[in-house]
C-alpha cells in the first residue's frame, strides 16, 4: 500500500522517515508538546527513531496513519498529525 500524501496551498503532509529523526527528537523533547501525549519527554535520539519505526509499522499493519507536516515552500518540518484505527 502506498502512503497517502496530502497537499494544501501551504502544506504537504507526507510519510515520516528516519531522516526526520532530529526533528522528531526536537519536537518530543519539549515538555509542552508531550504534556497531552502518553509519552515521557525524549532524552535520546534513539527514542525518535523508535517512534518513527512504530508509526511506520502501524501504517504497514493498517492500524494507523501518521503524517509529517511540512511547509510546501521550504519543506521545513512543522509537526505530525494522524489517525489510529
Protein backbone atom coordinates (compact mmCIF):
# COMPACT_ATOMS: atom_id res chain seq x y z
CA UNK A 1 0.00 0.00 0.00
CA UNK A 2 1.32 3.43 -0.93
CA UNK A 3 1.47 6.07 1.80
CA UNK A 4 -1.08 8.85 1.12
CA UNK A 5 0.36 12.33 0.52
CA UNK A 6 -1.94 15.29 1.17
CA UNK A 7 -1.34 18.86 -0.01
CA UNK A 8 -2.83 22.26 0.68
CA UNK A 9 -1.73 25.64 -0.65
CA UNK A 10 0.82 25.94 2.17
CA UNK A 11 1.45 22.43 3.48
CA UNK A 12 2.46 18.94 2.44
CA UNK A 13 1.56 16.00 4.67
CA UNK A 14 3.72 13.02 3.83
CA UNK A 15 5.36 9.98 5.34
CA UNK A 16 7.81 10.31 8.21
CA UNK A 17 11.23 8.84 7.54
CA UNK A 18 14.38 8.25 9.56
CA UNK A 19 15.68 11.49 8.03
CA UNK A 20 13.12 13.19 10.31
CA UNK A 21 14.70 11.76 13.47
CA UNK A 22 16.31 15.01 14.62
CA UNK A 23 13.08 16.96 14.04
CA UNK A 24 11.01 14.35 15.90
CA UNK A 25 13.53 14.38 18.76
CA UNK A 26 13.39 18.18 18.97
CA UNK A 27 9.58 18.10 18.97
CA UNK A 28 9.11 15.36 21.57
CA UNK A 29 11.88 16.58 23.87
CA UNK A 30 9.74 19.64 24.58
CA UNK A 31 7.72 19.23 27.81
CA UNK A 32 4.88 21.37 26.47
CA UNK A 33 4.49 19.18 23.39
CA UNK A 34 4.29 15.87 25.26
CA UNK A 35 2.06 17.22 28.03
CA UNK A 36 -1.03 15.61 26.47
CA UNK A 37 0.68 12.53 24.99
CA UNK A 38 1.19 9.19 26.68
CA UNK A 39 4.97 9.68 26.27
CA UNK A 40 7.76 10.81 28.52
CA UNK A 41 9.92 13.71 27.33
CA UNK A 42 12.53 12.37 24.91
CA UNK A 43 16.10 12.45 26.18
CA UNK A 44 17.83 10.42 23.44
CA UNK A 45 17.71 10.48 19.64
CA UNK A 46 17.09 6.72 19.64
CA UNK A 47 13.62 7.40 21.09
CA UNK A 48 12.76 9.42 17.98
CA UNK A 49 13.93 6.70 15.60
CA UNK A 50 11.96 4.13 17.58
CA UNK A 51 8.81 6.27 17.37
CA UNK A 52 9.20 6.70 13.60
CA UNK A 53 9.57 2.92 13.33
CA UNK A 54 6.39 2.49 15.36
CA UNK A 55 4.45 4.86 13.09
CA UNK A 56 5.75 3.02 10.01
CA UNK A 57 4.76 -0.36 11.47
CA UNK A 58 1.29 0.87 12.41
CA UNK A 59 0.73 2.04 8.83
CA UNK A 60 2.00 -1.26 7.39
CA UNK A 61 -0.28 -3.19 9.75
CA UNK A 62 -3.23 -0.91 8.84
CA UNK A 63 -3.55 0.27 12.44
CA UNK A 64 -2.98 3.96 11.85
CA UNK A 65 -1.51 6.70 9.69
CA UNK A 66 0.86 9.41 10.95
CA UNK A 67 1.94 12.22 8.63
CA UNK A 68 4.82 14.65 8.79
CA UNK A 69 3.56 18.21 8.35
CA UNK A 70 5.89 20.31 6.19
CA UNK A 71 5.81 23.81 4.75
CA UNK A 72 5.42 23.37 1.00
CA UNK A 73 7.79 26.21 0.03
CA UNK A 74 10.74 25.15 2.19
CA UNK A 75 9.97 21.52 3.15
CA UNK A 76 10.51 22.60 6.79
CA UNK A 77 9.19 20.03 9.28
CA UNK A 78 6.40 21.56 11.39
CA UNK A 79 4.99 18.61 13.32
CA UNK A 80 2.88 15.49 12.93
CA UNK A 81 -0.76 14.51 12.79
CA UNK A 82 -2.58 11.28 12.25
CA UNK A 83 -5.27 8.72 12.88
CA UNK A 84 -5.42 5.47 14.82
CA UNK A 85 -7.92 2.77 13.96
